């Protein structure tokens, strides 16, 4: 058995964990849930040897252990799949899976054996690419599959999974669940973190809830509902998750995209968005949704036209598009959305530095603006000058959102805005998107969570294989109709 007893962890301005005691059994799936900032990831990092507790102890098979680093935790049979990707883009999938523990033949790396074993683990997670694939050329979902294959290849006694399905398609998620069932049957203990509460109830033998760094409840899934778990997580009833959809003002489109094509990814896409309207982009992973958004904001070379507020833009680089009033919240906040070593203040004002001084930013004004966004978005931080890397994933997402809102855009493209965000924070983000639309912003929402698309969007465009294959409006916006179009049955 793997146990934590009275574990505490204090950072300079934050008490991340406060006297948490839990026990994890072999051959069982134990879910640990809570709001962003509740202490889940910190606890997992202590178990994996990444962080060290301020107080308390970790026990394995009844004996106290103190892992100085990840290598020691791995040697004791504990592996972790991180919420944030930790891969080297320049390496192949096989090289990332076996990084630091490459099989050898004499003094040389045995590349044939490494490729064979990597293929075995990639096949286990149903990765649609081989061991020779260059990691940097894969989607976020593809990289996540490498992370999963890397962890399970260590054949650990205990496997920690931190939001493993956040960017996976339904097919990839089902493959992962089947793999976890096999591991559980073989006696591997699973420690599972997810904000998808239906997923937690489906997989878990035991569920523990953390709130504000403390252990507040442990229960079994029998008879529990997502609403029960949400209430334990936030300490209050959430009520309606999605705000009522507002009427769309009659106005000329803020954004018109015509015949836009991205080599290999998007084919002749066209759509428009009016001020105050929320338009959803739905489809399976790999359908071209992200690539379409990146092309619109100037991050990918493309053909076709983009018109903003009646002005057809001939030059389409990111700076021009941003100056025209477009903002893009990327799905990959770690590599493309934030500077993790910089402070919350610096990140919050990064897209609008001109407003704080021509040559040198006025730090007092920057801090005032950052504080405003921290309060409006409910971001949980110790201090404005804390590095963004010190925040939980959901709070990092709020800082990434603040960065673009501070630039006062006219059109906001949101790519998986609630990825890795807890149920309480999701409700806050949904309310914020609703308010922004009510204030006149034109919003485009990319999401793999169907309830999000159905609950927020006035209109939904469904993509398949790089093409927009259907449009749903009003009562036709249902999960069933979206999936029919996404899967290739166009008569919705």
Protein backbone atom coordinates (compact mmCIF):
# COMPACT_ATOMS: atom_id res chain seq x y z
CA UNK A 1 0.00 0.00 0.00
CA UNK A 2 1.08 3.56 -0.77
CA UNK A 3 0.13 6.08 1.92
CA UNK A 4 0.49 9.74 2.78
CA UNK A 5 0.13 10.73 6.43
CA UNK A 6 -0.47 14.32 7.57
CA UNK A 7 1.24 15.67 4.45
CA UNK A 8 1.68 19.45 4.39
CA UNK A 9 3.30 21.64 1.76
CA UNK A 10 3.81 25.35 2.15
CA UNK A 11 5.15 27.77 -0.46
CA UNK A 12 6.16 31.35 0.48
CA UNK A 13 2.62 32.74 0.09
CA UNK A 14 0.43 29.64 -0.19
CA UNK A 15 -0.45 26.64 2.00
CA UNK A 16 -0.89 24.11 -0.82
CA UNK A 17 -1.52 21.07 1.43
CA UNK A 18 -2.57 20.98 5.06
CA UNK A 19 -2.45 17.65 6.90
CA UNK A 20 -3.67 15.34 4.11
CA UNK A 21 -3.79 11.60 4.85
CA UNK A 22 -4.79 9.07 2.14
CA UNK A 23 -4.09 5.42 1.30
CA UNK A 24 -3.83 3.96 -2.22
CA UNK A 25 -4.23 0.23 -2.83
CA UNK A 26 -2.74 -1.99 -5.55
CA UNK A 27 -5.23 -3.14 -8.18
CA UNK A 28 -7.62 -0.26 -7.39
CA UNK A 29 -8.40 3.08 -9.05
CA UNK A 30 -8.42 5.89 -6.48
CA UNK A 31 -9.58 9.26 -7.85
CA UNK A 32 -8.42 12.49 -6.20
CA UNK A 33 -10.60 15.46 -7.16
CA UNK A 34 -10.97 19.10 -6.20
CA UNK A 35 -11.03 22.62 -7.58
CA UNK A 36 -7.96 24.15 -9.19
CA UNK A 37 -5.61 25.06 -6.37
CA UNK A 38 -7.07 22.42 -4.04
CA UNK A 39 -3.66 20.70 -3.81
CA UNK A 40 -4.18 17.65 -6.05
CA UNK A 41 -1.21 18.17 -8.36
CA UNK A 42 1.05 19.17 -5.46
CA UNK A 43 0.21 15.92 -3.65
CA UNK A 44 0.90 13.91 -6.80
CA UNK A 45 4.25 15.67 -7.32
CA UNK A 46 5.25 14.69 -3.78
CA UNK A 47 4.38 11.06 -4.50
CA UNK A 48 6.36 11.21 -7.78
CA UNK A 49 9.49 12.74 -6.19
CA UNK A 50 9.14 16.13 -7.89
CA UNK A 51 8.29 18.08 -4.73
CA UNK A 52 9.18 17.44 -1.09
CA UNK A 53 6.68 17.82 1.78
CA UNK A 54 7.06 20.52 4.42
CA UNK A 55 5.66 18.07 6.99
CA UNK A 56 4.23 14.55 7.17
CA UNK A 57 5.45 11.36 5.56
CA UNK A 58 5.00 9.00 2.62
CA UNK A 59 4.89 5.26 3.28
CA UNK A 60 5.29 2.39 0.82
CA UNK A 61 4.49 -1.13 2.06
CA UNK A 62 4.32 0.29 5.57
CA UNK A 63 7.82 1.77 5.50
CA UNK A 64 8.59 5.52 5.36
CA UNK A 65 10.16 6.66 2.08
CA UNK A 66 11.55 10.03 1.04
CA UNK A 67 12.05 10.34 -2.69
CA UNK A 68 14.75 12.87 -3.50
CA UNK A 69 13.86 12.93 -7.19
CA UNK A 70 11.78 11.35 -9.94
CA UNK A 71 14.37 8.64 -10.57
CA UNK A 72 14.07 7.39 -6.97
CA UNK A 73 10.26 7.37 -7.14
CA UNK A 74 10.44 5.46 -10.43
CA UNK A 75 12.86 2.93 -8.91
CA UNK A 76 10.22 2.29 -6.21
CA UNK A 77 7.56 1.71 -8.88
CA UNK A 78 5.78 5.10 -9.02
CA UNK A 79 5.25 6.78 -12.42
CA UNK A 80 3.26 9.89 -13.32
CA UNK A 81 1.48 11.15 -16.44
CA UNK A 82 1.59 14.93 -16.12
CA UNK A 83 -1.18 17.36 -17.01
CA UNK A 84 1.43 19.57 -18.68
CA UNK A 85 3.45 17.86 -21.40
CA UNK A 86 7.13 17.15 -20.70
CA UNK A 87 8.49 16.06 -24.05
CA UNK A 88 11.37 17.09 -26.33
CA UNK A 89 9.91 18.19 -29.68
CA UNK A 90 13.13 17.46 -31.59
CA UNK A 91 13.07 13.77 -30.60
CA UNK A 92 10.98 10.95 -32.04
CA UNK A 93 8.13 9.30 -30.16
CA UNK A 94 10.36 6.31 -29.32
CA UNK A 95 13.19 8.55 -28.07
CA UNK A 96 10.80 10.46 -25.80
CA UNK A 97 9.25 7.26 -24.40
CA UNK A 98 12.66 5.88 -23.40
CA UNK A 99 14.45 9.16 -22.66
CA UNK A 100 17.00 8.53 -19.90
CA UNK A 101 16.47 4.74 -19.90
CA UNK A 102 17.31 3.76 -23.47
CA UNK A 103 17.90 0.04 -24.12
CA UNK A 104 21.53 -0.63 -25.01
CA UNK A 105 23.60 -3.17 -26.91
CA UNK A 106 27.07 -2.94 -25.47
CA UNK A 107 27.81 0.78 -25.14
CA UNK A 108 25.45 1.86 -27.95
CA UNK A 109 21.73 2.55 -27.87
CA UNK A 110 19.78 -0.42 -29.28
CA UNK A 111 17.54 1.58 -31.60
CA UNK A 112 15.84 -1.44 -33.12
CA UNK A 113 14.76 -2.73 -29.70
CA UNK A 114 13.73 0.78 -28.63
CA UNK A 115 11.53 1.16 -31.72
CA UNK A 116 9.97 -2.30 -31.24
CA UNK A 117 9.10 -1.68 -27.60
CA UNK A 118 7.88 1.86 -28.29
CA UNK A 119 5.56 0.51 -30.99
CA UNK A 120 4.13 -1.95 -28.46
CA UNK A 121 3.20 0.85 -26.06
CA UNK A 122 1.97 3.22 -28.78
CA UNK A 123 -0.26 0.44 -30.11
CA UNK A 124 -1.60 -0.09 -26.57
CA UNK A 125 -2.88 3.51 -26.50
CA UNK A 126 -3.98 3.31 -30.17
CA UNK A 127 -1.70 6.10 -31.31
CA UNK A 128 -2.24 6.86 -35.03
CA UNK A 129 1.51 7.25 -35.60
CA UNK A 130 4.60 5.11 -35.24
CA UNK A 131 7.71 5.23 -33.03
CA UNK A 132 9.66 7.17 -35.68
CA UNK A 133 7.21 10.14 -35.68
CA UNK A 134 8.81 13.48 -34.83
CA UNK A 135 7.18 14.73 -31.63
CA UNK A 136 7.21 18.40 -32.63
CA UNK A 137 5.01 17.69 -35.64
CA UNK A 138 2.23 16.05 -33.61
CA UNK A 139 -0.94 17.61 -32.21
CA UNK A 140 -1.37 18.18 -28.47
CA UNK A 141 -3.47 14.99 -28.35
CA UNK A 142 -0.69 13.04 -30.09
CA UNK A 143 1.87 14.31 -27.60
CA UNK A 144 -0.42 13.30 -24.74
CA UNK A 145 -0.52 9.74 -26.12
CA UNK A 146 3.30 9.68 -26.01
CA UNK A 147 3.19 10.83 -22.36
CA UNK A 148 0.78 8.00 -21.55
CA UNK A 149 2.85 5.41 -23.43
CA UNK A 150 5.99 6.68 -21.67
CA UNK A 151 4.44 6.23 -18.22
CA UNK A 152 2.88 2.80 -18.76
CA UNK A 153 6.10 1.52 -20.39
CA UNK A 154 7.80 1.87 -16.99
CA UNK A 155 5.55 -0.97 -15.74
CA UNK A 156 5.04 0.85 -12.44
CA UNK A 157 3.35 -0.51 -9.33
CA UNK A 158 1.47 2.79 -8.99
CA UNK A 159 0.52 4.99 -11.93
CA UNK A 160 -0.52 8.60 -11.33
CA UNK A 161 -2.66 10.13 -14.09
CA UNK A 162 -3.19 13.91 -13.97
CA UNK A 163 -5.96 14.92 -16.44
CA UNK A 164 -4.90 12.26 -18.99
CA UNK A 165 -7.98 12.60 -21.26
CA UNK A 166 -8.27 16.41 -21.39
CA UNK A 167 -7.16 16.60 -25.05
CA UNK A 168 -8.03 13.09 -26.26
CA UNK A 169 -10.77 12.14 -28.67
CA UNK A 170 -13.52 9.72 -27.64
CA UNK A 171 -11.75 6.88 -29.45
CA UNK A 172 -8.42 7.64 -27.77
CA UNK A 173 -10.12 7.96 -24.38
CA UNK A 174 -11.80 4.56 -24.74
CA UNK A 175 -8.46 3.00 -25.67
CA UNK A 176 -6.89 4.51 -22.55
CA UNK A 177 -9.71 3.22 -20.34
CA UNK A 178 -9.29 -0.29 -21.76
CA UNK A 179 -5.56 -0.11 -21.02
CA UNK A 180 -6.22 1.08 -17.46
CA UNK A 181 -8.60 -1.82 -16.88
CA UNK A 182 -5.87 -4.24 -17.96
CA UNK A 183 -3.34 -2.57 -15.68
CA UNK A 184 -5.77 -2.67 -12.76
CA UNK A 185 -6.42 -6.38 -13.36
CA UNK A 186 -2.64 -6.93 -13.25
CA UNK A 187 -2.47 -5.32 -9.79
CA UNK A 188 -1.29 -1.82 -10.71
CA UNK A 189 -2.64 0.88 -8.41
CA UNK A 190 -4.11 3.83 -10.30
CA UNK A 191 -4.28 7.35 -8.84
CA UNK A 192 -6.57 9.34 -11.11
CA UNK A 193 -7.09 13.11 -11.31
CA UNK A 194 -9.79 14.50 -13.58
CA UNK A 195 -12.29 17.35 -13.69
CA UNK A 196 -14.58 15.17 -15.82
CA UNK A 197 -16.78 13.84 -13.05
CA UNK A 198 -18.65 11.29 -15.17
CA UNK A 199 -15.26 9.81 -15.99
CA UNK A 200 -14.32 9.70 -12.31
CA UNK A 201 -17.53 7.87 -11.38
CA UNK A 202 -17.06 5.38 -14.22
CA UNK A 203 -13.44 4.42 -13.46
CA UNK A 204 -12.96 4.72 -9.71
CA UNK A 205 -13.18 2.28 -6.83
CA UNK A 206 -12.63 5.13 -4.34
CA UNK A 207 -12.93 8.93 -4.61
CA UNK A 208 -11.19 11.42 -2.31
CA UNK A 209 -12.02 15.13 -2.36
CA UNK A 210 -9.56 17.93 -1.53
CA UNK A 211 -10.62 21.51 -0.88
CA UNK A 212 -8.25 24.38 -0.04
CA UNK A 213 -5.40 21.94 0.62
CA UNK A 214 -7.40 19.76 3.02
CA UNK A 215 -8.96 16.31 2.71
CA UNK A 216 -12.72 16.81 3.10
CA UNK A 217 -14.23 13.45 2.07
CA UNK A 218 -13.58 9.93 0.80
CA UNK A 219 -16.44 7.94 -0.72
CA UNK A 220 -17.24 5.17 -3.18
CA UNK A 221 -18.90 5.95 -6.53
CA UNK A 222 -21.99 3.84 -5.84
CA UNK A 223 -25.02 6.13 -5.65
CA UNK A 224 -22.95 9.31 -6.11
CA UNK A 225 -23.70 11.81 -8.87
CA UNK A 226 -21.55 14.47 -10.58
CA UNK A 227 -23.60 17.09 -8.69
CA UNK A 228 -22.71 15.42 -5.36
CA UNK A 229 -19.02 15.50 -6.20
CA UNK A 230 -19.16 19.10 -7.44
CA UNK A 231 -20.78 20.23 -4.19
CA UNK A 232 -18.05 18.53 -2.13
CA UNK A 233 -15.36 20.13 -4.30
CA UNK A 234 -16.60 23.72 -4.09
CA UNK A 235 -18.49 23.58 -0.79
CA UNK A 236 -21.71 24.95 -2.28
CA UNK A 237 -24.41 24.17 -4.84
CA UNK A 238 -23.43 25.28 -8.33
CA UNK A 239 -26.95 25.72 -9.70
CA UNK A 240 -27.24 26.04 -13.46
CA UNK A 241 -23.87 25.50 -15.12
CA UNK A 242 -24.60 27.42 -18.33
CA UNK A 243 -26.10 30.92 -18.37
CA UNK A 244 -29.19 31.42 -20.58
CA UNK A 245 -28.34 32.28 -24.19
CA UNK A 246 -28.90 35.95 -24.99
CA UNK A 247 -30.43 37.33 -28.16
CA UNK A 248 -27.90 38.22 -30.87
CA UNK A 249 -28.00 41.91 -31.84
CA UNK A 250 -28.76 42.59 -35.50
CA UNK A 251 -25.45 43.86 -36.85
CA UNK A 252 -22.98 43.37 -39.66
CA UNK A 253 -20.51 40.52 -39.06
CA UNK A 254 -17.44 41.37 -37.05
CA UNK A 255 -15.52 38.55 -38.76
CA UNK A 256 -15.96 37.02 -42.21
CA UNK A 257 -13.78 34.12 -43.34
CA UNK A 258 -14.07 33.06 -47.00
CA UNK A 259 -12.61 30.04 -48.82
CA UNK A 260 -9.77 29.66 -46.32
CA UNK A 261 -7.42 26.72 -46.90
CA UNK A 262 -4.39 25.53 -44.94
CA UNK A 263 -2.16 22.98 -46.67
CA UNK A 264 -2.87 19.47 -45.28
CA UNK A 265 -5.35 20.74 -42.69
CA UNK A 266 -8.21 23.00 -43.88
CA UNK A 267 -10.05 23.00 -47.21
CA UNK A 268 -12.15 25.97 -48.33
CA UNK A 269 -13.60 26.96 -44.94
CA UNK A 270 -15.97 29.90 -44.71
CA UNK A 271 -17.99 31.37 -41.85
CA UNK A 272 -18.95 34.64 -40.19
CA UNK A 273 -19.50 35.83 -36.61
CA UNK A 274 -21.57 38.83 -35.51
CA UNK A 275 -20.92 41.01 -32.45
CA UNK A 276 -22.54 39.37 -29.43
CA UNK A 277 -22.63 35.94 -31.08
CA UNK A 278 -20.94 32.76 -29.82
CA UNK A 279 -20.17 30.39 -32.71
CA UNK A 280 -18.94 26.89 -31.90
CA UNK A 281 -16.40 24.92 -33.93
CA UNK A 282 -17.04 21.24 -33.25
CA UNK A 283 -15.51 18.07 -34.64
CA UNK A 284 -13.25 15.19 -33.76
CA UNK A 285 -9.61 15.70 -32.81
CA UNK A 286 -7.68 16.22 -36.04
CA UNK A 287 -10.64 17.66 -37.95
CA UNK A 288 -8.84 20.99 -38.49
CA UNK A 289 -10.52 23.21 -35.90
CA UNK A 290 -7.32 24.46 -34.26
CA UNK A 291 -5.55 24.88 -37.60
CA UNK A 292 -8.45 26.98 -38.90
CA UNK A 293 -8.26 29.29 -35.88
CA UNK A 294 -4.47 29.57 -36.17
CA UNK A 295 -4.82 30.53 -39.85
CA UNK A 296 -7.44 33.18 -39.07
CA UNK A 297 -5.14 34.89 -36.56
CA UNK A 298 -2.08 34.72 -38.82
CA UNK A 299 -0.21 31.83 -37.24
CA UNK A 300 -0.38 29.57 -40.31
CA UNK A 301 0.13 30.33 -44.02
CA UNK A 302 -3.17 30.04 -45.86
CA UNK A 303 -5.17 31.11 -48.91
CA UNK A 304 -8.59 32.75 -48.83
CA UNK A 305 -9.72 35.97 -47.21
CA UNK A 306 -10.34 37.31 -43.71
CA UNK A 307 -12.47 40.43 -43.22
CA UNK A 308 -12.62 42.21 -39.86
CA UNK A 309 -15.27 44.91 -39.28
CA UNK A 310 -15.71 45.34 -43.04
CA UNK A 311 -11.97 45.63 -43.75
CA UNK A 312 -10.52 42.80 -45.88
CA UNK A 313 -7.02 42.24 -44.52
CA UNK A 314 -4.37 41.71 -47.17
CA UNK A 315 -1.50 41.34 -44.72
CA UNK A 316 -2.18 38.55 -42.21
CA UNK A 317 0.64 38.15 -39.71
CA UNK A 318 -0.10 37.79 -35.95
CA UNK A 319 0.73 41.45 -35.15
CA UNK A 320 -1.57 42.76 -37.89
CA UNK A 321 -4.42 40.49 -36.83
CA UNK A 322 -4.00 41.45 -33.18
CA UNK A 323 -4.02 45.16 -34.07
CA UNK A 324 -7.21 44.54 -36.08
CA UNK A 325 -8.88 43.28 -32.89
CA UNK A 326 -8.46 39.49 -32.99
CA UNK A 327 -7.35 37.52 -29.93
CA UNK A 328 -6.61 33.79 -29.79
CA UNK A 329 -6.53 31.73 -26.59
CA UNK A 330 -4.44 28.73 -27.63
CA UNK A 331 -5.21 25.18 -26.46
CA UNK A 332 -1.54 24.70 -25.44
CA UNK A 333 -1.06 27.23 -22.66
CA UNK A 334 2.34 25.89 -21.58
CA UNK A 335 4.21 26.15 -24.89
CA UNK A 336 2.20 28.79 -26.76
CA UNK A 337 0.02 30.69 -24.29
CA UNK A 338 2.20 31.80 -21.39
CA UNK A 339 5.75 32.60 -20.31
CA UNK A 340 5.84 30.31 -17.29
CA UNK A 341 8.90 31.86 -15.65
CA UNK A 342 7.42 35.36 -15.80
CA UNK A 343 5.05 36.79 -13.20
CA UNK A 344 1.27 36.81 -13.28
CA UNK A 345 1.43 40.58 -13.79
CA UNK A 346 3.78 40.40 -16.76
CA UNK A 347 1.76 37.65 -18.43
CA UNK A 348 -1.55 39.45 -17.89
CA UNK A 349 -0.39 42.57 -19.74
CA UNK A 350 1.81 40.93 -22.37
CA UNK A 351 -0.58 41.46 -25.31
CA UNK A 352 -1.19 45.12 -24.43
CA UNK A 353 2.19 46.50 -23.39
CA UNK A 354 1.76 49.73 -25.39
CA UNK A 355 -0.97 50.77 -22.96
CA UNK A 356 1.55 50.84 -20.09
CA UNK A 357 4.31 52.99 -21.54
CA UNK A 358 6.06 53.63 -24.84
CA UNK A 359 9.56 52.50 -23.87
CA UNK A 360 9.38 51.12 -20.33
CA UNK A 361 6.11 49.75 -18.89
CA UNK A 362 4.66 51.47 -15.84
CA UNK A 363 4.84 48.61 -13.33
CA UNK A 364 2.26 50.14 -10.99
CA UNK A 365 -0.30 50.40 -13.80
CA UNK A 366 0.52 46.86 -14.93
CA UNK A 367 -0.04 45.52 -11.42
CA UNK A 368 -3.34 47.41 -11.13
CA UNK A 369 -4.54 45.87 -14.41
CA UNK A 370 -3.41 42.37 -13.39
CA UNK A 371 -5.19 42.72 -10.05
CA UNK A 372 -8.38 43.72 -11.88
CA UNK A 373 -8.28 40.56 -14.00
CA UNK A 374 -7.36 38.36 -11.05
CA UNK A 375 -10.46 39.61 -9.25
CA UNK A 376 -12.79 39.38 -12.26
CA UNK A 377 -11.67 35.87 -13.23
CA UNK A 378 -11.38 34.57 -9.66
CA UNK A 379 -7.74 33.54 -10.17
CA UNK A 380 -6.23 31.97 -7.07
CA UNK A 381 -2.65 33.14 -6.58
CA UNK A 382 -0.36 34.03 -3.70
CA UNK A 383 0.87 37.34 -5.13
CA UNK A 384 0.84 39.17 -8.47
CA UNK A 385 4.60 38.76 -8.77
CA UNK A 386 4.51 34.96 -8.40
CA UNK A 387 5.73 33.07 -11.45
CA UNK A 388 2.88 31.59 -13.50
CA UNK A 389 4.59 28.19 -13.22
CA UNK A 390 3.66 28.17 -9.52
CA UNK A 391 -0.08 28.19 -10.30
CA UNK A 392 -2.37 25.23 -10.89
CA UNK A 393 -3.31 24.46 -14.50
CA UNK A 394 -6.74 26.06 -14.25
CA UNK A 395 -5.37 29.26 -12.75
CA UNK A 396 -2.73 29.40 -15.47
CA UNK A 397 -5.59 29.23 -17.98
CA UNK A 398 -7.24 32.23 -16.34
CA UNK A 399 -3.99 34.24 -16.64
CA UNK A 400 -3.79 33.29 -20.33
CA UNK A 401 -7.35 34.52 -20.79
CA UNK A 402 -6.59 37.77 -18.91
CA UNK A 403 -3.67 38.42 -21.28
CA UNK A 404 -6.01 38.67 -24.25
CA UNK A 405 -8.91 40.40 -22.52
CA UNK A 406 -6.56 43.17 -21.40
CA UNK A 407 -5.93 43.94 -25.09
CA UNK A 408 -9.68 44.71 -25.49
CA UNK A 409 -10.28 42.59 -28.60
CA UNK A 410 -13.33 42.75 -30.88
CA UNK A 411 -13.16 39.07 -31.80
CA UNK A 412 -12.14 36.32 -29.36
CA UNK A 413 -11.19 32.85 -30.54
CA UNK A 414 -11.17 30.39 -27.64
CA UNK A 415 -9.51 27.01 -28.24
CA UNK A 416 -10.42 24.52 -25.46
CA UNK A 417 -10.81 27.34 -22.87
CA UNK A 418 -11.71 24.98 -19.99
CA UNK A 419 -9.10 22.30 -20.60
CA UNK A 420 -7.82 21.18 -17.18
CA UNK A 421 -10.26 23.47 -15.35
CA UNK A 422 -12.41 22.32 -12.43
CA UNK A 423 -16.20 22.35 -12.40
CA UNK A 424 -16.49 25.55 -10.35
CA UNK A 425 -14.01 27.46 -12.50
CA UNK A 426 -15.71 26.16 -15.65
CA UNK A 427 -18.96 27.76 -14.55
CA UNK A 428 -17.10 31.05 -13.97
CA UNK A 429 -15.52 30.90 -17.44
CA UNK A 430 -18.87 30.10 -19.06
CA UNK A 431 -20.41 33.10 -17.32
CA UNK A 432 -17.48 35.27 -18.45
CA UNK A 433 -17.86 34.18 -22.11
CA UNK A 434 -21.59 34.95 -21.84
CA UNK A 435 -20.84 38.41 -20.40
CA UNK A 436 -18.21 39.16 -23.05
CA UNK A 437 -20.68 38.30 -25.80
CA UNK A 438 -23.31 40.47 -24.11
CA UNK A 439 -20.76 43.33 -24.18
CA UNK A 440 -20.49 42.96 -27.97
CA UNK A 441 -17.54 40.62 -28.50
CA UNK A 442 -17.77 38.15 -31.36
CA UNK A 443 -16.71 34.78 -29.93
CA UNK A 444 -15.57 31.58 -31.64
CA UNK A 445 -15.42 28.56 -29.33
CA UNK A 446 -13.47 25.38 -30.09
CA UNK A 447 -14.23 22.59 -27.63
CA UNK A 448 -14.11 18.80 -27.49
CA UNK A 449 -16.70 18.84 -24.68
CA UNK A 450 -20.10 18.59 -26.33
CA UNK A 451 -22.06 20.02 -23.36
CA UNK A 452 -19.90 23.15 -23.62
CA UNK A 453 -20.69 23.62 -27.31
CA UNK A 454 -24.42 22.94 -26.83
CA UNK A 455 -24.75 25.00 -23.65
CA UNK A 456 -22.94 28.15 -24.84
CA UNK A 457 -23.19 28.51 -28.60
CA UNK A 458 -25.88 30.23 -30.66
CA UNK A 459 -24.63 28.49 -33.79
CA UNK A 460 -22.35 25.47 -34.35
CA UNK A 461 -20.13 24.69 -37.34
CA UNK A 462 -19.04 21.05 -37.54
CA UNK A 463 -15.71 20.16 -39.15
CA UNK A 464 -14.61 16.84 -40.61
CA UNK A 465 -11.34 16.16 -42.42
CA UNK A 466 -10.58 19.85 -42.80
CA UNK A 467 -13.97 20.89 -44.14
CA UNK A 468 -16.97 22.58 -42.54
CA UNK A 469 -19.58 19.91 -43.27
CA UNK A 470 -22.62 21.38 -41.54
CA UNK A 471 -24.13 24.23 -39.57
CA UNK A 472 -26.56 23.84 -36.67
CA UNK A 473 -28.73 26.62 -35.25
CA UNK A 474 -31.23 26.92 -32.37
CA UNK A 475 -32.94 23.68 -31.33
CA UNK A 476 -30.84 21.72 -33.84
CA UNK A 477 -27.75 22.32 -31.69
CA UNK A 478 -27.66 18.93 -29.92
CA UNK A 479 -24.88 16.47 -29.09
CA UNK A 480 -26.58 13.89 -31.29
CA UNK A 481 -26.66 16.12 -34.37
CA UNK A 482 -23.09 17.29 -33.84
CA UNK A 483 -21.79 13.73 -33.61
CA UNK A 484 -23.71 12.64 -36.72
CA UNK A 485 -22.01 15.37 -38.74
CA UNK A 486 -18.59 14.84 -37.15
CA UNK A 487 -18.76 11.10 -37.84
CA UNK A 488 -19.85 11.52 -41.47
CA UNK A 489 -23.63 11.18 -41.37
CA UNK A 490 -24.59 14.57 -42.73
CA UNK A 491 -28.38 14.27 -42.62
CA UNK A 492 -28.75 15.75 -39.16
